[in-house]
Amino acid sequence: EGFDYDLLHAFADEKKLRLVMIPEMSFEKRLDGICSGAYDILATGTAI
């Protein structure tokens, strides 16, 4: 569970998508994963 997990799950359910959420402790690796296309969404609250 988790706020971001539950919130994105609600989005995925409405859009009839299967959510696969990968935990990654390194901010740099999370960012690299989004930039490379390994992940679609960085789903943890990130300061703008």
ModelCIF file with pLDDT and N, C-alpha, C, O atoms, coordinates in Angstrom:
data_MODEL
#
_entry.id   MODEL 
#
_entity.id                         1 
_entity.type                       polymer 
_entity.pdbx_number_of_molecules   1 
#
_entity_poly.entity_id                      1 
_entity_poly.type                           'polypeptide(L)' 
_entity_poly.nstd_linkage                   no 
_entity_poly.nstd_monomer                   no 
_entity_poly.pdbx_seq_one_letter_code       EGFDYDLLHAFADEKKLRLVMIPEMSFEKRLDGICSGAYDILATGTAI 
_entity_poly.pdbx_seq_one_letter_code_can   EGFDYDLLHAFADEKKLRLVMIPEMSFEKRLDGICSGAYDILATGTAI 
_entity_poly.pdbx_strand_id                 A 
#
loop_
_entity_poly_seq.entity_id 
_entity_poly_seq.num 
_entity_poly_seq.mon_id 
_entity_poly_seq.hetero 
1 1  GLU n 
1 2  GLY n 
1 3  PHE n 
1 4  ASP n 
1 5  TYR n 
1 6  ASP n 
1 7  LEU n 
1 8  LEU n 
1 9  HIS n 
1 10 ALA n 
1 11 PHE n 
1 12 ALA n 
1 13 ASP n 
1 14 GLU n 
1 15 LYS n 
1 16 LYS n 
1 17 LEU n 
1 18 ARG n 
1 19 LEU n 
1 20 VAL n 
1 21 MET n 
1 22 ILE n 
1 23 PRO n 
1 24 GLU n 
1 25 MET n 
1 26 SER n 
1 27 PHE n 
1 28 GLU n 
1 29 LYS n 
1 30 ARG n 
1 31 LEU n 
1 32 ASP n 
1 33 GLY n 
1 34 ILE n 
1 35 CYS n 
1 36 SER n 
1 37 GLY n 
1 38 ALA n 
1 39 TYR n 
1 40 ASP n 
1 41 ILE n 
1 42 LEU n 
1 43 ALA n 
1 44 THR n 
1 45 GLY n 
1 46 THR n 
1 47 ALA n 
1 48 ILE n 
#
_struct_asym.id          A 
_struct_asym.entity_id   1 
#
loop_
_ma_qa_metric.id 
_ma_qa_metric.mode 
_ma_qa_metric.name 
_ma_qa_metric.software_group_id 
_ma_qa_metric.type 
1 global pLDDT . pLDDT 
2 local  pLDDT . pLDDT 
#
_ma_qa_metric_global.metric_id      1 
_ma_qa_metric_global.metric_value   95.75 
_ma_qa_metric_global.model_id       1 
_ma_qa_metric_global.ordinal_id     1 
#
loop_
_ma_qa_metric_local.label_asym_id 
_ma_qa_metric_local.label_comp_id 
_ma_qa_metric_local.label_seq_id 
_ma_qa_metric_local.metric_id 
_ma_qa_metric_local.metric_value 
_ma_qa_metric_local.model_id 
_ma_qa_metric_local.ordinal_id 
A GLU 1  2 95.00 1 1  
A GLY 2  2 96.00 1 2  
A PHE 3  2 97.00 1 3  
A ASP 4  2 97.00 1 4  
A TYR 5  2 97.00 1 5  
A ASP 6  2 98.00 1 6  
A LEU 7  2 98.00 1 7  
A LEU 8  2 98.00 1 8  
A HIS 9  2 97.00 1 9  
A ALA 10 2 98.00 1 10 
A PHE 11 2 98.00 1 11 
A ALA 12 2 98.00 1 12 
A ASP 13 2 98.00 1 13 
A GLU 14 2 98.00 1 14 
A LYS 15 2 98.00 1 15 
A LYS 16 2 98.00 1 16 
A LEU 17 2 98.00 1 17 
A ARG 18 2 98.00 1 18 
A LEU 19 2 98.00 1 19 
A VAL 20 2 97.00 1 20 
A MET 21 2 96.00 1 21 
A ILE 22 2 96.00 1 22 
A PRO 23 2 94.00 1 23 
A GLU 24 2 93.00 1 24 
A MET 25 2 90.00 1 25 
A SER 26 2 89.00 1 26 
A PHE 27 2 90.00 1 27 
A GLU 28 2 90.00 1 28 
A LYS 29 2 93.00 1 29 
A ARG 30 2 94.00 1 30 
A LEU 31 2 94.00 1 31 
A ASP 32 2 95.00 1 32 
A GLY 33 2 97.00 1 33 
A ILE 34 2 97.00 1 34 
A CYS 35 2 96.00 1 35 
A SER 36 2 96.00 1 36 
A GLY 37 2 97.00 1 37 
A ALA 38 2 97.00 1 38 
A TYR 39 2 98.00 1 39 
A ASP 40 2 98.00 1 40 
A ILE 41 2 98.00 1 41 
A LEU 42 2 98.00 1 42 
A ALA 43 2 97.00 1 43 
A THR 44 2 95.00 1 44 
A GLY 45 2 92.00 1 45 
A THR 46 2 93.00 1 46 
A ALA 47 2 91.00 1 47 
A ILE 48 2 92.00 1 48 
#
loop_
_atom_site.group_PDB 
_atom_site.id 
_atom_site.type_symbol 
_atom_site.label_atom_id 
_atom_site.label_alt_id 
_atom_site.label_comp_id 
_atom_site.label_asym_id 
_atom_site.label_entity_id 
_atom_site.label_seq_id 
_atom_site.pdbx_PDB_ins_code 
_atom_site.Cartn_x 
_atom_site.Cartn_y 
_atom_site.Cartn_z 
_atom_site.occupancy 
_atom_site.B_iso_or_equiv 
_atom_site.pdbx_formal_charge 
_atom_site.auth_seq_id 
_atom_site.auth_comp_id 
_atom_site.auth_asym_id 
_atom_site.auth_atom_id 
_atom_site.pdbx_PDB_model_num 
ATOM 1   N N  . GLU A 1 1  ? 0.841   -1.184 0.000   1.00 95.00 ? 1  GLU A N  1 
ATOM 2   C CA . GLU A 1 1  ? 0.000   0.000  0.000   1.00 95.00 ? 1  GLU A CA 1 
ATOM 3   C C  . GLU A 1 1  ? 0.883   1.242  0.000   1.00 95.00 ? 1  GLU A C  1 
ATOM 4   O O  . GLU A 1 1  ? 2.110   1.150  0.028   1.00 95.00 ? 1  GLU A O  1 
ATOM 5   N N  . GLY A 1 2  ? 0.248   2.382  -0.032  1.00 96.00 ? 2  GLY A N  1 
ATOM 6   C CA . GLY A 1 2  ? 0.950   3.657  -0.040  1.00 96.00 ? 2  GLY A CA 1 
ATOM 7   C C  . GLY A 1 2  ? 0.085   4.686  -0.739  1.00 96.00 ? 2  GLY A C  1 
ATOM 8   O O  . GLY A 1 2  ? -0.742  4.340  -1.583  1.00 96.00 ? 2  GLY A O  1 
ATOM 9   N N  . PHE A 1 3  ? 0.272   5.942  -0.395  1.00 97.00 ? 3  PHE A N  1 
ATOM 10  C CA . PHE A 1 3  ? -0.544  6.994  -0.988  1.00 97.00 ? 3  PHE A CA 1 
ATOM 11  C C  . PHE A 1 3  ? -0.380  7.042  -2.500  1.00 97.00 ? 3  PHE A C  1 
ATOM 12  O O  . PHE A 1 3  ? -1.370  7.047  -3.232  1.00 97.00 ? 3  PHE A O  1 
ATOM 13  N N  . ASP A 1 4  ? 0.865   7.076  -2.974  1.00 97.00 ? 4  ASP A N  1 
ATOM 14  C CA . ASP A 1 4  ? 1.089   7.132  -4.418  1.00 97.00 ? 4  ASP A CA 1 
ATOM 15  C C  . ASP A 1 4  ? 0.645   5.847  -5.102  1.00 97.00 ? 4  ASP A C  1 
ATOM 16  O O  . ASP A 1 4  ? 0.084   5.878  -6.197  1.00 97.00 ? 4  ASP A O  1 
ATOM 17  N N  . TYR A 1 5  ? 0.899   4.716  -4.448  1.00 97.00 ? 5  TYR A N  1 
ATOM 18  C CA . TYR A 1 5  ? 0.494   3.424  -5.003  1.00 97.00 ? 5  TYR A CA 1 
ATOM 19  C C  . TYR A 1 5  ? -1.029  3.350  -5.145  1.00 97.00 ? 5  TYR A C  1 
ATOM 20  O O  . TYR A 1 5  ? -1.538  2.990  -6.206  1.00 97.00 ? 5  TYR A O  1 
ATOM 21  N N  . ASP A 1 6  ? -1.744  3.687  -4.087  1.00 98.00 ? 6  ASP A N  1 
ATOM 22  C CA . ASP A 1 6  ? -3.203  3.618  -4.126  1.00 98.00 ? 6  ASP A CA 1 
ATOM 23  C C  . ASP A 1 6  ? -3.798  4.617  -5.118  1.00 98.00 ? 6  ASP A C  1 
ATOM 24  O O  . ASP A 1 6  ? -4.757  4.311  -5.826  1.00 98.00 ? 6  ASP A O  1 
ATOM 25  N N  . LEU A 1 7  ? -3.214  5.817  -5.156  1.00 98.00 ? 7  LEU A N  1 
ATOM 26  C CA . LEU A 1 7  ? -3.728  6.847  -6.050  1.00 98.00 ? 7  LEU A CA 1 
ATOM 27  C C  . LEU A 1 7  ? -3.533  6.449  -7.511  1.00 98.00 ? 7  LEU A C  1 
ATOM 28  O O  . LEU A 1 7  ? -4.453  6.576  -8.319  1.00 98.00 ? 7  LEU A O  1 
ATOM 29  N N  . LEU A 1 8  ? -2.338  5.970  -7.850  1.00 98.00 ? 8  LEU A N  1 
ATOM 30  C CA . LEU A 1 8  ? -2.093  5.573  -9.239  1.00 98.00 ? 8  LEU A CA 1 
ATOM 31  C C  . LEU A 1 8  ? -2.878  4.322  -9.598  1.00 98.00 ? 8  LEU A C  1 
ATOM 32  O O  . LEU A 1 8  ? -3.258  4.136  -10.754 1.00 98.00 ? 8  LEU A O  1 
ATOM 33  N N  . HIS A 1 9  ? -3.125  3.459  -8.612  1.00 97.00 ? 9  HIS A N  1 
ATOM 34  C CA . HIS A 1 9  ? -3.940  2.270  -8.842  1.00 97.00 ? 9  HIS A CA 1 
ATOM 35  C C  . HIS A 1 9  ? -5.365  2.677  -9.242  1.00 97.00 ? 9  HIS A C  1 
ATOM 36  O O  . HIS A 1 9  ? -5.973  2.053  -10.112 1.00 97.00 ? 9  HIS A O  1 
ATOM 37  N N  . ALA A 1 10 ? -5.886  3.722  -8.605  1.00 98.00 ? 10 ALA A N  1 
ATOM 38  C CA . ALA A 1 10 ? -7.231  4.195  -8.955  1.00 98.00 ? 10 ALA A CA 1 
ATOM 39  C C  . ALA A 1 10 ? -7.271  4.687  -10.397 1.00 98.00 ? 10 ALA A C  1 
ATOM 40  O O  . ALA A 1 10 ? -8.245  4.445  -11.110 1.00 98.00 ? 10 ALA A O  1 
ATOM 41  N N  . PHE A 1 11 ? -6.213  5.379  -10.831 1.00 98.00 ? 11 PHE A N  1 
ATOM 42  C CA . PHE A 1 11 ? -6.123  5.832  -12.218 1.00 98.00 ? 11 PHE A CA 1 
ATOM 43  C C  . PHE A 1 11 ? -6.078  4.638  -13.164 1.00 98.00 ? 11 PHE A C  1 
ATOM 44  O O  . PHE A 1 11 ? -6.814  4.587  -14.150 1.00 98.00 ? 11 PHE A O  1 
ATOM 45  N N  . ALA A 1 12 ? -5.205  3.676  -12.855 1.00 98.00 ? 12 ALA A N  1 
ATOM 46  C CA . ALA A 1 12 ? -5.050  2.509  -13.722 1.00 98.00 ? 12 ALA A CA 1 
ATOM 47  C C  . ALA A 1 12 ? -6.343  1.704  -13.806 1.00 98.00 ? 12 ALA A C  1 
ATOM 48  O O  . ALA A 1 12 ? -6.706  1.233  -14.884 1.00 98.00 ? 12 ALA A O  1 
ATOM 49  N N  . ASP A 1 13 ? -7.037  1.542  -12.691 1.00 98.00 ? 13 ASP A N  1 
ATOM 50  C CA . ASP A 1 13 ? -8.302  0.795  -12.690 1.00 98.00 ? 13 ASP A CA 1 
ATOM 51  C C  . ASP A 1 13 ? -9.333  1.471  -13.579 1.00 98.00 ? 13 ASP A C  1 
ATOM 52  O O  . ASP A 1 13 ? -10.020 0.802  -14.350 1.00 98.00 ? 13 ASP A O  1 
ATOM 53  N N  . GLU A 1 14 ? -9.447  2.787  -13.479 1.00 98.00 ? 14 GLU A N  1 
ATOM 54  C CA . GLU A 1 14 ? -10.427 3.498  -14.300 1.00 98.00 ? 14 GLU A CA 1 
ATOM 55  C C  . GLU A 1 14 ? -10.104 3.373  -15.784 1.00 98.00 ? 14 GLU A C  1 
ATOM 56  O O  . GLU A 1 14 ? -11.004 3.274  -16.618 1.00 98.00 ? 14 GLU A O  1 
ATOM 57  N N  . LYS A 1 15 ? -8.813  3.378  -16.105 1.00 98.00 ? 15 LYS A N  1 
ATOM 58  C CA . LYS A 1 15 ? -8.391  3.299  -17.508 1.00 98.00 ? 15 LYS A CA 1 
ATOM 59  C C  . LYS A 1 15 ? -8.231  1.861  -17.991 1.00 98.00 ? 15 LYS A C  1 
ATOM 60  O O  . LYS A 1 15 ? -7.821  1.621  -19.127 1.00 98.00 ? 15 LYS A O  1 
ATOM 61  N N  . LYS A 1 16 ? -8.563  0.897  -17.107 1.00 98.00 ? 16 LYS A N  1 
ATOM 62  C CA . LYS A 1 16 ? -8.446  -0.522 -17.428 1.00 98.00 ? 16 LYS A CA 1 
ATOM 63  C C  . LYS A 1 16 ? -7.017  -0.914 -17.834 1.00 98.00 ? 16 LYS A C  1 
ATOM 64  O O  . LYS A 1 16 ? -6.794  -1.641 -18.802 1.00 98.00 ? 16 LYS A O  1 
ATOM 65  N N  . LEU A 1 17 ? -6.083  -0.407 -17.063 1.00 98.00 ? 17 LEU A N  1 
ATOM 66  C CA . LEU A 1 17 ? -4.677  -0.736 -17.252 1.00 98.00 ? 17 LEU A CA 1 
ATOM 67  C C  . LEU A 1 17 ? -4.183  -1.558 -16.067 1.00 98.00 ? 17 LEU A C  1 
ATOM 68  O O  . LEU A 1 17 ? -4.664  -1.391 -14.946 1.00 98.00 ? 17 LEU A O  1 
ATOM 69  N N  . ARG A 1 18 ? -3.234  -2.433 -16.314 1.00 98.00 ? 18 ARG A N  1 
ATOM 70  C CA . ARG A 1 18 ? -2.619  -3.182 -15.221 1.00 98.00 ? 18 ARG A CA 1 
ATOM 71  C C  . ARG A 1 18 ? -1.405  -2.399 -14.748 1.00 98.00 ? 18 ARG A C  1 
ATOM 72  O O  . ARG A 1 18 ? -0.488  -2.127 -15.523 1.00 98.00 ? 18 ARG A O  1 
ATOM 73  N N  . LEU A 1 19 ? -1.407  -2.041 -13.471 1.00 98.00 ? 19 LEU A N  1 
ATOM 74  C CA . LEU A 1 19 ? -0.315  -1.254 -12.901 1.00 98.00 ? 19 LEU A CA 1 
ATOM 75  C C  . LEU A 1 19 ? 0.799   -2.160 -12.418 1.00 98.00 ? 19 LEU A C  1 
ATOM 76  O O  . LEU A 1 19 ? 0.564   -3.095 -11.652 1.00 98.00 ? 19 LEU A O  1 
ATOM 77  N N  . VAL A 1 20 ? 2.008   -1.883 -12.868 1.00 97.00 ? 20 VAL A N  1 
ATOM 78  C CA . VAL A 1 20 ? 3.209   -2.525 -12.346 1.00 97.00 ? 20 VAL A CA 1 
ATOM 79  C C  . VAL A 1 20 ? 4.076   -1.419 -11.761 1.00 97.00 ? 20 VAL A C  1 
ATOM 80  O O  . VAL A 1 20 ? 4.560   -0.548 -12.484 1.00 97.00 ? 20 VAL A O  1 
ATOM 81  N N  . MET A 1 21 ? 4.268   -1.463 -10.447 1.00 96.00 ? 21 MET A N  1 
ATOM 82  C CA . MET A 1 21 ? 4.989   -0.398 -9.751  1.00 96.00 ? 21 MET A CA 1 
ATOM 83  C C  . MET A 1 21 ? 6.280   -0.961 -9.182  1.00 96.00 ? 21 MET A C  1 
ATOM 84  O O  . MET A 1 21 ? 6.266   -1.921 -8.411  1.00 96.00 ? 21 MET A O  1 
ATOM 85  N N  . ILE A 1 22 ? 7.391   -0.358 -9.567  1.00 96.00 ? 22 ILE A N  1 
ATOM 86  C CA . ILE A 1 22 ? 8.715   -0.843 -9.176  1.00 96.00 ? 22 ILE A CA 1 
ATOM 87  C C  . ILE A 1 22 ? 9.308   0.077  -8.115  1.00 96.00 ? 22 ILE A C  1 
ATOM 88  O O  . ILE A 1 22 ? 9.443   1.274  -8.370  1.00 96.00 ? 22 ILE A O  1 
ATOM 89  N N  . PRO A 1 23 ? 9.671   -0.433 -6.928  1.00 94.00 ? 23 PRO A N  1 
ATOM 90  C CA . PRO A 1 23 ? 10.350  0.403  -5.934  1.00 94.00 ? 23 PRO A CA 1 
ATOM 91  C C  . PRO A 1 23 ? 11.831  0.546  -6.255  1.00 94.00 ? 23 PRO A C  1 
ATOM 92  O O  . PRO A 1 23 ? 12.508  -0.440 -6.544  1.00 94.00 ? 23 PRO A O  1 
ATOM 93  N N  . GLU A 1 24 ? 12.326  1.768  -6.202  1.00 93.00 ? 24 GLU A N  1 
ATOM 94  C CA . GLU A 1 24 ? 13.735  2.051  -6.466  1.00 93.00 ? 24 GLU A CA 1 
ATOM 95  C C  . GLU A 1 24 ? 14.183  3.143  -5.508  1.00 93.00 ? 24 GLU A C  1 
ATOM 96  O O  . GLU A 1 24 ? 13.627  4.241  -5.510  1.00 93.00 ? 24 GLU A O  1 
ATOM 97  N N  . MET A 1 25 ? 15.187  2.846  -4.690  1.00 90.00 ? 25 MET A N  1 
ATOM 98  C CA . MET A 1 25 ? 15.604  3.786  -3.655  1.00 90.00 ? 25 MET A CA 1 
ATOM 99  C C  . MET A 1 25 ? 16.432  4.947  -4.202  1.00 90.00 ? 25 MET A C  1 
ATOM 100 O O  . MET A 1 25 ? 16.447  6.025  -3.607  1.00 90.00 ? 25 MET A O  1 
ATOM 101 N N  . SER A 1 26 ? 17.115  4.746  -5.314  1.00 89.00 ? 26 SER A N  1 
ATOM 102 C CA . SER A 1 26 ? 17.991  5.786  -5.868  1.00 89.00 ? 26 SER A CA 1 
ATOM 103 C C  . SER A 1 26 ? 17.184  6.784  -6.697  1.00 89.00 ? 26 SER A C  1 
ATOM 104 O O  . SER A 1 26 ? 16.536  6.405  -7.673  1.00 89.00 ? 26 SER A O  1 
ATOM 105 N N  . PHE A 1 27 ? 17.224  8.055  -6.308  1.00 90.00 ? 27 PHE A N  1 
ATOM 106 C CA . PHE A 1 27 ? 16.537  9.077  -7.093  1.00 90.00 ? 27 PHE A CA 1 
ATOM 107 C C  . PHE A 1 27 ? 17.119  9.143  -8.503  1.00 90.00 ? 27 PHE A C  1 
ATOM 108 O O  . PHE A 1 27 ? 16.383  9.303  -9.477  1.00 90.00 ? 27 PHE A O  1 
ATOM 109 N N  . GLU A 1 28 ? 18.431  9.021  -8.606  1.00 90.00 ? 28 GLU A N  1 
ATOM 110 C CA . GLU A 1 28 ? 19.088  9.087  -9.915  1.00 90.00 ? 28 GLU A CA 1 
ATOM 111 C C  . GLU A 1 28 ? 18.610  7.966  -10.826 1.00 90.00 ? 28 GLU A C  1 
ATOM 112 O O  . GLU A 1 28 ? 18.375  8.190  -12.013 1.00 90.00 ? 28 GLU A O  1 
ATOM 113 N N  . LYS A 1 29 ? 18.465  6.761  -10.281 1.00 93.00 ? 29 LYS A N  1 
ATOM 114 C CA . LYS A 1 29 ? 18.001  5.630  -11.094 1.00 93.00 ? 29 LYS A CA 1 
ATOM 115 C C  . LYS A 1 29 ? 16.535  5.788  -11.471 1.00 93.00 ? 29 LYS A C  1 
ATOM 116 O O  . LYS A 1 29 ? 16.129  5.393  -12.564 1.00 93.00 ? 29 LYS A O  1 
ATOM 117 N N  . ARG A 1 30 ? 15.735  6.365  -10.570 1.00 94.00 ? 30 ARG A N  1 
ATOM 118 C CA . ARG A 1 30 ? 14.336  6.614  -10.920 1.00 94.00 ? 30 ARG A CA 1 
ATOM 119 C C  . ARG A 1 30 ? 14.260  7.586  -12.097 1.00 94.00 ? 30 ARG A C  1 
ATOM 120 O O  . ARG A 1 30 ? 13.514  7.369  -13.051 1.00 94.00 ? 30 ARG A O  1 
ATOM 121 N N  . LEU A 1 31 ? 15.039  8.650  -12.011 1.00 94.00 ? 31 LEU A N  1 
ATOM 122 C CA . LEU A 1 31 ? 15.042  9.653  -13.071 1.00 94.00 ? 31 LEU A CA 1 
ATOM 123 C C  . LEU A 1 31 ? 15.559  9.066  -14.377 1.00 94.00 ? 31 LEU A C  1 
ATOM 124 O O  . LEU A 1 31 ? 14.982  9.305  -15.438 1.00 94.00 ? 31 LEU A O  1 
ATOM 125 N N  . ASP A 1 32 ? 16.641  8.301  -14.307 1.00 95.00 ? 32 ASP A N  1 
ATOM 126 C CA . ASP A 1 32 ? 17.188  7.664  -15.513 1.00 95.00 ? 32 ASP A CA 1 
ATOM 127 C C  . ASP A 1 32 ? 16.163  6.722  -16.141 1.00 95.00 ? 32 ASP A C  1 
ATOM 128 O O  . ASP A 1 32 ? 16.057  6.636  -17.364 1.00 95.00 ? 32 ASP A O  1 
ATOM 129 N N  . GLY A 1 33 ? 15.412  6.018  -15.296 1.00 97.00 ? 33 GLY A N  1 
ATOM 130 C CA . GLY A 1 33 ? 14.408  5.088  -15.803 1.00 97.00 ? 33 GLY A CA 1 
ATOM 131 C C  . GLY A 1 33 ? 13.296  5.787  -16.561 1.00 97.00 ? 33 GLY A C  1 
ATOM 132 O O  . GLY A 1 33 ? 12.804  5.270  -17.565 1.00 97.00 ? 33 GLY A O  1 
ATOM 133 N N  . ILE A 1 34 ? 12.896  6.957  -16.088 1.00 97.00 ? 34 ILE A N  1 
ATOM 134 C CA . ILE A 1 34 ? 11.875  7.735  -16.798 1.00 97.00 ? 34 ILE A CA 1 
ATOM 135 C C  . ILE A 1 34 ? 12.441  8.274  -18.112 1.00 97.00 ? 34 ILE A C  1 
ATOM 136 O O  . ILE A 1 34 ? 11.783  8.202  -19.149 1.00 97.00 ? 34 ILE A O  1 
ATOM 137 N N  . CYS A 1 35 ? 13.638  8.803  -18.069 1.00 96.00 ? 35 CYS A N  1 
ATOM 138 C CA . CYS A 1 35 ? 14.243  9.397  -19.270 1.00 96.00 ? 35 CYS A CA 1 
ATOM 139 C C  . CYS A 1 35 ? 14.524  8.346  -20.339 1.00 96.00 ? 35 CYS A C  1 
ATOM 140 O O  . CYS A 1 35 ? 14.428  8.636  -21.532 1.00 96.00 ? 35 CYS A O  1 
ATOM 141 N N  . SER A 1 36 ? 14.869  7.128  -19.923 1.00 96.00 ? 36 SER A N  1 
ATOM 142 C CA . SER A 1 36 ? 15.188  6.074  -20.887 1.00 96.00 ? 36 SER A CA 1 
ATOM 143 C C  . SER A 1 36 ? 13.948  5.356  -21.410 1.00 96.00 ? 36 SER A C  1 
ATOM 144 O O  . SER A 1 36 ? 14.018  4.666  -22.427 1.00 96.00 ? 36 SER A O  1 
ATOM 145 N N  . GLY A 1 37 ? 12.818  5.509  -20.728 1.00 97.00 ? 37 GLY A N  1 
ATOM 146 C CA . GLY A 1 37 ? 11.599  4.822  -21.136 1.00 97.00 ? 37 GLY A CA 1 
ATOM 147 C C  . GLY A 1 37 ? 11.367  3.503  -20.429 1.00 97.00 ? 37 GLY A C  1 
ATOM 148 O O  . GLY A 1 37 ? 10.425  2.787  -20.767 1.00 97.00 ? 37 GLY A O  1 
ATOM 149 N N  . ALA A 1 38 ? 12.206  3.159  -19.451 1.00 97.00 ? 38 ALA A N  1 
ATOM 150 C CA . ALA A 1 38 ? 11.986  1.920  -18.690 1.00 97.00 ? 38 ALA A CA 1 
ATOM 151 C C  . ALA A 1 38 ? 10.698  2.007  -17.882 1.00 97.00 ? 38 ALA A C  1 
ATOM 152 O O  . ALA A 1 38 ? 10.031  0.997  -17.660 1.00 97.00 ? 38 ALA A O  1 
ATOM 153 N N  . TYR A 1 39 ? 10.343  3.233  -17.437 1.00 98.00 ? 39 TYR A N  1 
ATOM 154 C CA . TYR A 1 39 ? 9.117   3.467  -16.684 1.00 98.00 ? 39 TYR A CA 1 
ATOM 155 C C  . TYR A 1 39 ? 8.335   4.597  -17.348 1.00 98.00 ? 39 TYR A C  1 
ATOM 156 O O  . TYR A 1 39 ? 8.901   5.455  -18.025 1.00 98.00 ? 39 TYR A O  1 
ATOM 157 N N  . ASP A 1 40 ? 7.033   4.574  -17.139 1.00 98.00 ? 40 ASP A N  1 
ATOM 158 C CA . ASP A 1 40 ? 6.170   5.606  -17.718 1.00 98.00 ? 40 ASP A CA 1 
ATOM 159 C C  . ASP A 1 40 ? 5.963   6.784  -16.770 1.00 98.00 ? 40 ASP A C  1 
ATOM 160 O O  . ASP A 1 40 ? 5.853   7.929  -17.206 1.00 98.00 ? 40 ASP A O  1 
ATOM 161 N N  . ILE A 1 41 ? 5.911   6.496  -15.473 1.00 98.00 ? 41 ILE A N  1 
ATOM 162 C CA . ILE A 1 41 ? 5.587   7.530  -14.490 1.00 98.00 ? 41 ILE A CA 1 
ATOM 163 C C  . ILE A 1 41 ? 6.527   7.432  -13.295 1.00 98.00 ? 41 ILE A C  1 
ATOM 164 O O  . ILE A 1 41 ? 6.783   6.342  -12.783 1.00 98.00 ? 41 ILE A O  1 
ATOM 165 N N  . LEU A 1 42 ? 7.034   8.572  -12.857 1.00 98.00 ? 42 LEU A N  1 
ATOM 166 C CA . LEU A 1 42 ? 7.741   8.666  -11.580 1.00 98.00 ? 42 LEU A CA 1 
ATOM 167 C C  . LEU A 1 42 ? 6.679   8.977  -10.529 1.00 98.00 ? 42 LEU A C  1 
ATOM 168 O O  . LEU A 1 42 ? 6.309   10.134 -10.326 1.00 98.00 ? 42 LEU A O  1 
ATOM 169 N N  . ALA A 1 43 ? 6.195   7.930  -9.867  1.00 97.00 ? 43 ALA A N  1 
ATOM 170 C CA . ALA A 1 43 ? 5.023   8.043  -8.992  1.00 97.00 ? 43 ALA A CA 1 
ATOM 171 C C  . ALA A 1 43 ? 5.429   8.108  -7.534  1.00 97.00 ? 43 ALA A C  1 
ATOM 172 O O  . ALA A 1 43 ? 5.031   7.268  -6.726  1.00 97.00 ? 43 ALA A O  1 
ATOM 173 N N  . THR A 1 44 ? 6.214   9.098  -7.211  1.00 95.00 ? 44 THR A N  1 
ATOM 174 C CA . THR A 1 44 ? 6.473   9.451  -5.818  1.00 95.00 ? 44 THR A CA 1 
ATOM 175 C C  . THR A 1 44 ? 6.569   10.959 -5.775  1.00 95.00 ? 44 THR A C  1 
ATOM 176 O O  . THR A 1 44 ? 7.117   11.571 -6.693  1.00 95.00 ? 44 THR A O  1 
ATOM 177 N N  . GLY A 1 45 ? 6.050   11.564 -4.736  1.00 92.00 ? 45 GLY A N  1 
ATOM 178 C CA . GLY A 1 45 ? 6.019   13.019 -4.679  1.00 92.00 ? 45 GLY A CA 1 
ATOM 179 C C  . GLY A 1 45 ? 7.399   13.616 -4.842  1.00 92.00 ? 45 GLY A C  1 
ATOM 180 O O  . GLY A 1 45 ? 8.267   13.413 -3.993  1.00 92.00 ? 45 GLY A O  1 
ATOM 181 N N  . THR A 1 46 ? 7.614   14.352 -5.923  1.00 93.00 ? 46 THR A N  1 
ATOM 182 C CA . THR A 1 46 ? 8.907   14.941 -6.235  1.00 93.00 ? 46 THR A CA 1 
ATOM 183 C C  . THR A 1 46 ? 8.768   16.452 -6.272  1.00 93.00 ? 46 THR A C  1 
ATOM 184 O O  . THR A 1 46 ? 7.863   16.981 -6.918  1.00 93.00 ? 46 THR A O  1 
ATOM 185 N N  . ALA A 1 47 ? 9.659   17.147 -5.584  1.00 91.00 ? 47 ALA A N  1 
ATOM 186 C CA . ALA A 1 47 ? 9.588   18.604 -5.537  1.00 91.00 ? 47 ALA A CA 1 
ATOM 187 C C  . ALA A 1 47 ? 9.783   19.184 -6.935  1.00 91.00 ? 47 ALA A C  1 
ATOM 188 O O  . ALA A 1 47 ? 10.707  18.808 -7.656  1.00 91.00 ? 47 ALA A O  1 
ATOM 189 N N  . ILE A 1 48 ? 8.895   20.106 -7.302  1.00 92.00 ? 48 ILE A N  1 
ATOM 190 C CA . ILE A 1 48 ? 9.005   20.770 -8.599  1.00 92.00 ? 48 ILE A CA 1 
ATOM 191 C C  . ILE A 1 48 ? 9.963   21.945 -8.455  1.00 92.00 ? 48 ILE A C  1 
ATOM 192 O O  . ILE A 1 48 ? 10.214  22.659 -9.426  1.00 92.00 ? 48 ILE A O  1 
#
